[in-house]
Amino acid sequence: MSNAHVGPIVFADATARAQLENHGEVVTFRASERTTGDTWWRTSRTGPKEGDCRVEHIDAVDPTDTGALESYRKLSGFASVDDWQAAIRELNGEMDTAHLYRVVTDSTNGSD
C-alpha cells in the first residue's frame, strides 16, 4: 500500500499496547490491509496521540493457523497463540485471512 498518507494506528488491546509501550515493538494483527510508514499511535479510534511509530507490513495470514502466528507470538505480547487468537476473535470476529504488521516506536526506530 502507498505511504503517501499514513493514518494513525489504534491499539485497543491492552496486551498489544503493553508490548509496544514496554518493549518499543509489537507485531499486531489487522483484519484488512492498512497504510505503512511513519505515523503515530493511540488507544482508541478517536483518542489522543500516545506516541510516534513506524508501521511495516509483514504478511497476510490465516488467523486460525497456529504455526503462522507462533513465529511472531513473542513480539505480539501474548503468552500463547491461543490467547492471541482469542483477542483477535474478540476484536474482529471470525475470518479467513488477515494481516500482520510490525510497529516500532519512534525511540526504537532505526536501532535494529
N, C-alpha and C. Protein backbone atom coordinates (compact mmCIF):
# COMPACT_ATOMS: atom_id res chain seq x y z
N MET A 1 0.84 -1.18 0.00
CA MET A 1 0.00 0.00 0.00
C MET A 1 0.89 1.24 0.00
N SER A 2 0.35 2.31 -0.46
CA SER A 2 1.08 3.57 -0.53
C SER A 2 1.29 4.16 0.85
N ASN A 3 2.42 4.84 1.03
CA ASN A 3 2.59 5.55 2.28
C ASN A 3 2.53 7.05 2.06
N ALA A 4 1.71 7.49 1.08
CA ALA A 4 1.51 8.91 0.85
C ALA A 4 0.88 9.55 2.08
N HIS A 5 -0.13 8.93 2.63
CA HIS A 5 -0.74 9.40 3.87
C HIS A 5 -0.94 8.20 4.77
N VAL A 6 -0.22 8.17 5.88
CA VAL A 6 -0.31 7.04 6.80
C VAL A 6 -1.13 7.48 8.00
N GLY A 7 -2.31 6.88 8.13
CA GLY A 7 -3.17 7.21 9.26
C GLY A 7 -2.64 6.60 10.54
N PRO A 8 -3.09 7.10 11.67
CA PRO A 8 -2.64 6.57 12.97
C PRO A 8 -3.08 5.11 13.14
N ILE A 9 -2.38 4.40 13.98
CA ILE A 9 -2.74 3.02 14.29
C ILE A 9 -3.29 2.98 15.71
N VAL A 10 -4.33 2.18 15.90
CA VAL A 10 -5.03 2.08 17.18
C VAL A 10 -4.64 0.79 17.88
N PHE A 11 -4.29 0.90 19.16
CA PHE A 11 -4.01 -0.26 19.99
C PHE A 11 -5.07 -0.36 21.07
N ALA A 12 -6.22 -0.91 20.71
CA ALA A 12 -7.33 -1.07 21.65
C ALA A 12 -7.06 -2.22 22.62
N ASP A 13 -6.28 -3.22 22.19
CA ASP A 13 -5.99 -4.37 23.04
C ASP A 13 -4.88 -4.03 24.02
N ALA A 14 -5.14 -4.21 25.31
CA ALA A 14 -4.19 -3.84 26.36
C ALA A 14 -2.89 -4.64 26.27
N THR A 15 -2.94 -5.90 25.87
CA THR A 15 -1.74 -6.73 25.80
C THR A 15 -0.81 -6.23 24.70
N ALA A 16 -1.35 -5.99 23.51
CA ALA A 16 -0.54 -5.49 22.41
C ALA A 16 0.01 -4.10 22.74
N ARG A 17 -0.81 -3.28 23.34
CA ARG A 17 -0.39 -1.93 23.73
C ARG A 17 0.76 -1.98 24.75
N ALA A 18 0.64 -2.86 25.73
CA ALA A 18 1.70 -3.00 26.74
C ALA A 18 3.00 -3.48 26.10
N GLN A 19 2.91 -4.38 25.13
CA GLN A 19 4.11 -4.85 24.42
C GLN A 19 4.79 -3.67 23.74
N LEU A 20 4.03 -2.83 23.06
CA LEU A 20 4.59 -1.67 22.39
C LEU A 20 5.20 -0.69 23.39
N GLU A 21 4.48 -0.39 24.44
CA GLU A 21 4.94 0.58 25.43
C GLU A 21 6.18 0.09 26.19
N ASN A 22 6.20 -1.19 26.53
CA ASN A 22 7.29 -1.74 27.35
C ASN A 22 8.52 -2.16 26.57
N HIS A 23 8.33 -2.52 25.30
CA HIS A 23 9.44 -3.07 24.51
C HIS A 23 9.75 -2.27 23.25
N GLY A 24 8.91 -1.28 22.93
CA GLY A 24 9.17 -0.44 21.77
C GLY A 24 8.86 -1.10 20.45
N GLU A 25 8.27 -2.29 20.49
CA GLU A 25 7.99 -3.03 19.26
C GLU A 25 6.87 -4.03 19.54
N VAL A 26 6.00 -4.20 18.55
CA VAL A 26 4.92 -5.19 18.66
C VAL A 26 4.59 -5.70 17.26
N VAL A 27 4.23 -6.96 17.17
CA VAL A 27 3.64 -7.50 15.95
C VAL A 27 2.15 -7.57 16.24
N THR A 28 1.39 -6.90 15.41
CA THR A 28 -0.04 -6.78 15.62
C THR A 28 -0.81 -7.31 14.43
N PHE A 29 -2.06 -7.58 14.66
CA PHE A 29 -2.94 -8.24 13.72
C PHE A 29 -3.99 -7.25 13.26
N ARG A 30 -4.30 -7.28 11.98
CA ARG A 30 -5.34 -6.40 11.43
C ARG A 30 -6.16 -7.18 10.41
N ALA A 31 -7.47 -6.97 10.44
CA ALA A 31 -8.37 -7.70 9.55
C ALA A 31 -8.16 -7.32 8.09
N SER A 32 -7.77 -6.09 7.81
CA SER A 32 -7.59 -5.64 6.43
C SER A 32 -6.25 -4.92 6.30
N GLU A 33 -5.83 -4.72 5.05
CA GLU A 33 -4.58 -4.01 4.82
C GLU A 33 -4.71 -2.56 5.26
N ARG A 34 -3.59 -1.98 5.64
CA ARG A 34 -3.55 -0.57 6.03
C ARG A 34 -2.31 0.06 5.43
N THR A 35 -2.23 1.38 5.49
CA THR A 35 -1.05 2.08 5.01
C THR A 35 0.13 1.80 5.94
N THR A 36 1.32 1.94 5.41
CA THR A 36 2.53 1.69 6.18
C THR A 36 3.44 2.91 6.12
N GLY A 37 4.35 2.98 7.06
CA GLY A 37 5.31 4.08 7.10
C GLY A 37 5.27 4.76 8.46
N ASP A 38 5.82 5.96 8.51
CA ASP A 38 5.88 6.73 9.76
C ASP A 38 4.51 7.30 10.09
N THR A 39 4.09 7.13 11.33
CA THR A 39 2.79 7.61 11.79
C THR A 39 2.82 7.75 13.30
N TRP A 40 1.67 7.69 13.93
CA TRP A 40 1.55 7.76 15.38
C TRP A 40 0.49 6.79 15.83
N TRP A 41 0.49 6.49 17.14
CA TRP A 41 -0.47 5.51 17.66
C TRP A 41 -1.31 6.12 18.76
N ARG A 42 -2.48 5.49 18.96
CA ARG A 42 -3.39 5.90 20.02
C ARG A 42 -4.12 4.68 20.56
N THR A 43 -4.86 4.84 21.67
CA THR A 43 -5.50 3.69 22.31
C THR A 43 -6.93 3.47 21.86
N SER A 44 -7.53 4.45 21.17
CA SER A 44 -8.88 4.30 20.65
C SER A 44 -9.00 5.08 19.34
N ARG A 45 -10.04 4.80 18.60
CA ARG A 45 -10.21 5.41 17.28
C ARG A 45 -10.18 6.93 17.32
N THR A 46 -10.73 7.52 18.37
CA THR A 46 -10.77 8.97 18.47
C THR A 46 -9.90 9.53 19.59
N GLY A 47 -9.07 8.67 20.18
CA GLY A 47 -8.23 9.08 21.30
C GLY A 47 -7.07 9.96 20.88
N PRO A 48 -6.40 10.55 21.86
CA PRO A 48 -5.25 11.42 21.57
C PRO A 48 -4.02 10.62 21.16
N LYS A 49 -3.09 11.31 20.54
CA LYS A 49 -1.80 10.73 20.16
C LYS A 49 -1.07 10.28 21.42
N GLU A 50 -0.56 9.03 21.39
CA GLU A 50 0.21 8.50 22.50
C GLU A 50 1.71 8.48 22.20
N GLY A 51 2.07 8.35 20.92
CA GLY A 51 3.48 8.32 20.55
C GLY A 51 3.68 8.12 19.07
N ASP A 52 4.88 8.38 18.60
CA ASP A 52 5.23 8.18 17.19
C ASP A 52 5.65 6.74 16.97
N CYS A 53 5.45 6.26 15.74
CA CYS A 53 5.84 4.89 15.41
C CYS A 53 6.00 4.73 13.91
N ARG A 54 6.49 3.56 13.54
CA ARG A 54 6.59 3.17 12.13
C ARG A 54 5.85 1.85 11.98
N VAL A 55 5.02 1.74 10.95
CA VAL A 55 4.23 0.54 10.68
C VAL A 55 4.78 -0.13 9.43
N GLU A 56 5.07 -1.44 9.54
CA GLU A 56 5.60 -2.23 8.42
C GLU A 56 4.73 -3.46 8.23
N HIS A 57 4.32 -3.72 6.99
CA HIS A 57 3.52 -4.92 6.70
C HIS A 57 4.44 -6.14 6.71
N ILE A 58 4.00 -7.19 7.39
CA ILE A 58 4.77 -8.44 7.42
C ILE A 58 4.24 -9.40 6.37
N ASP A 59 2.95 -9.76 6.49
CA ASP A 59 2.39 -10.75 5.57
C ASP A 59 0.90 -10.91 5.82
N ALA A 60 0.21 -11.47 4.85
CA ALA A 60 -1.18 -11.91 5.03
C ALA A 60 -1.12 -13.29 5.66
N VAL A 61 -2.00 -13.56 6.62
CA VAL A 61 -2.01 -14.84 7.31
C VAL A 61 -3.44 -15.32 7.53
N ASP A 62 -3.55 -16.61 7.80
CA ASP A 62 -4.80 -17.21 8.24
C ASP A 62 -4.77 -17.15 9.76
N PRO A 63 -5.69 -16.42 10.38
CA PRO A 63 -5.64 -16.26 11.84
C PRO A 63 -5.87 -17.55 12.62
N THR A 64 -6.33 -18.60 11.94
CA THR A 64 -6.50 -19.89 12.62
C THR A 64 -5.25 -20.77 12.50
N ASP A 65 -4.26 -20.32 11.72
CA ASP A 65 -3.02 -21.08 11.50
C ASP A 65 -2.06 -20.82 12.67
N THR A 66 -2.06 -21.72 13.62
CA THR A 66 -1.25 -21.57 14.82
C THR A 66 0.23 -21.41 14.48
N GLY A 67 0.72 -22.17 13.52
CA GLY A 67 2.13 -22.10 13.14
C GLY A 67 2.52 -20.74 12.60
N ALA A 68 1.66 -20.15 11.77
CA ALA A 68 1.94 -18.83 11.20
C ALA A 68 2.02 -17.77 12.29
N LEU A 69 1.16 -17.86 13.29
CA LEU A 69 1.16 -16.89 14.38
C LEU A 69 2.29 -17.15 15.38
N GLU A 70 2.64 -18.41 15.59
CA GLU A 70 3.69 -18.75 16.57
C GLU A 70 5.01 -18.07 16.23
N SER A 71 5.30 -17.91 14.96
CA SER A 71 6.55 -17.27 14.55
C SER A 71 6.66 -15.84 15.09
N TYR A 72 5.53 -15.20 15.33
CA TYR A 72 5.50 -13.80 15.76
C TYR A 72 4.93 -13.63 17.17
N ARG A 73 4.55 -14.72 17.82
CA ARG A 73 3.85 -14.65 19.10
C ARG A 73 4.61 -13.88 20.16
N LYS A 74 5.91 -14.10 20.28
CA LYS A 74 6.68 -13.42 21.32
C LYS A 74 6.58 -11.90 21.18
N LEU A 75 6.63 -11.38 19.96
CA LEU A 75 6.55 -9.94 19.75
C LEU A 75 5.11 -9.42 19.78
N SER A 76 4.13 -10.33 19.88
CA SER A 76 2.73 -9.90 19.99
C SER A 76 2.40 -9.45 21.41
N GLY A 77 3.18 -9.95 22.37
CA GLY A 77 2.92 -9.65 23.77
C GLY A 77 2.07 -10.70 24.47
N PHE A 78 1.51 -11.63 23.71
CA PHE A 78 0.63 -12.65 24.28
C PHE A 78 1.43 -13.85 24.77
N ALA A 79 0.97 -14.46 25.85
CA ALA A 79 1.65 -15.60 26.46
C ALA A 79 1.56 -16.85 25.58
N SER A 80 0.50 -16.96 24.79
CA SER A 80 0.32 -18.13 23.92
C SER A 80 -0.42 -17.71 22.66
N VAL A 81 -0.32 -18.54 21.63
CA VAL A 81 -1.06 -18.29 20.39
C VAL A 81 -2.56 -18.36 20.67
N ASP A 82 -2.99 -19.27 21.56
CA ASP A 82 -4.41 -19.35 21.91
C ASP A 82 -4.92 -18.03 22.48
N ASP A 83 -4.13 -17.40 23.35
CA ASP A 83 -4.51 -16.11 23.92
C ASP A 83 -4.60 -15.05 22.82
N TRP A 84 -3.64 -15.06 21.91
CA TRP A 84 -3.62 -14.09 20.81
C TRP A 84 -4.84 -14.30 19.91
N GLN A 85 -5.12 -15.56 19.57
CA GLN A 85 -6.28 -15.86 18.72
C GLN A 85 -7.59 -15.45 19.40
N ALA A 86 -7.69 -15.62 20.70
CA ALA A 86 -8.89 -15.20 21.43
C ALA A 86 -9.07 -13.68 21.33
N ALA A 87 -7.98 -12.94 21.46
CA ALA A 87 -8.05 -11.47 21.34
C ALA A 87 -8.42 -11.07 19.92
N ILE A 88 -7.89 -11.77 18.93
CA ILE A 88 -8.22 -11.50 17.53
C ILE A 88 -9.72 -11.69 17.30
N ARG A 89 -10.25 -12.81 17.78
CA ARG A 89 -11.68 -13.09 17.62
C ARG A 89 -12.54 -12.05 18.34
N GLU A 90 -12.10 -11.65 19.53
CA GLU A 90 -12.87 -10.67 20.30
C GLU A 90 -12.98 -9.34 19.57
N LEU A 91 -11.89 -8.91 18.95
CA LEU A 91 -11.89 -7.62 18.26
C LEU A 91 -12.42 -7.68 16.83
N ASN A 92 -12.28 -8.85 16.16
CA ASN A 92 -12.58 -8.92 14.73
C ASN A 92 -13.63 -9.95 14.34
N GLY A 93 -14.01 -10.83 15.25
CA GLY A 93 -14.89 -11.92 14.87
C GLY A 93 -14.10 -12.99 14.13
N GLU A 94 -14.82 -13.91 13.51
CA GLU A 94 -14.16 -14.98 12.75
C GLU A 94 -13.80 -14.46 11.37
N MET A 95 -12.66 -14.90 10.83
CA MET A 95 -12.24 -14.51 9.49
C MET A 95 -11.30 -15.54 8.91
N ASP A 96 -11.11 -15.49 7.59
CA ASP A 96 -10.26 -16.44 6.90
C ASP A 96 -8.84 -15.94 6.69
N THR A 97 -8.70 -14.65 6.51
CA THR A 97 -7.37 -14.09 6.25
C THR A 97 -7.28 -12.70 6.87
N ALA A 98 -6.07 -12.32 7.17
CA ALA A 98 -5.83 -11.01 7.76
C ALA A 98 -4.35 -10.68 7.56
N HIS A 99 -3.88 -9.63 8.24
CA HIS A 99 -2.52 -9.14 8.02
C HIS A 99 -1.79 -8.91 9.33
N LEU A 100 -0.50 -9.23 9.31
CA LEU A 100 0.36 -8.95 10.45
C LEU A 100 1.20 -7.72 10.12
N TYR A 101 1.37 -6.87 11.13
CA TYR A 101 2.18 -5.66 10.99
C TYR A 101 3.15 -5.56 12.15
N ARG A 102 4.34 -5.08 11.86
CA ARG A 102 5.33 -4.77 12.89
C ARG A 102 5.25 -3.27 13.13
N VAL A 103 5.10 -2.91 14.39
CA VAL A 103 5.04 -1.50 14.77
C VAL A 103 6.19 -1.24 15.73
N VAL A 104 6.97 -0.22 15.42
CA VAL A 104 8.14 0.13 16.21
C VAL A 104 7.98 1.58 16.66
N THR A 105 8.20 1.84 17.94
CA THR A 105 8.08 3.21 18.41
C THR A 105 9.23 4.05 17.89
N ASP A 106 9.02 5.34 17.88
CA ASP A 106 10.00 6.28 17.36
C ASP A 106 11.35 6.14 18.05
N SER A 107 11.33 5.87 19.36
CA SER A 107 12.58 5.74 20.10
C SER A 107 13.37 4.50 19.70
N THR A 108 12.68 3.48 19.14
CA THR A 108 13.32 2.24 18.72
C THR A 108 13.65 2.28 17.23
N ASN A 109 12.92 3.10 16.49
CA ASN A 109 13.05 3.20 15.03
C ASN A 109 14.51 3.37 14.63
N GLY A 110 14.96 2.52 13.71
CA GLY A 110 16.29 2.65 13.18
C GLY A 110 17.40 2.07 14.04
N SER A 111 17.05 1.44 15.15
CA SER A 111 18.10 0.91 16.02
C SER A 111 18.27 -0.60 15.86
N ASP A 112 17.80 -1.15 14.75
CA ASP A 112 17.91 -2.60 14.51
C ASP A 112 19.34 -3.01 14.28
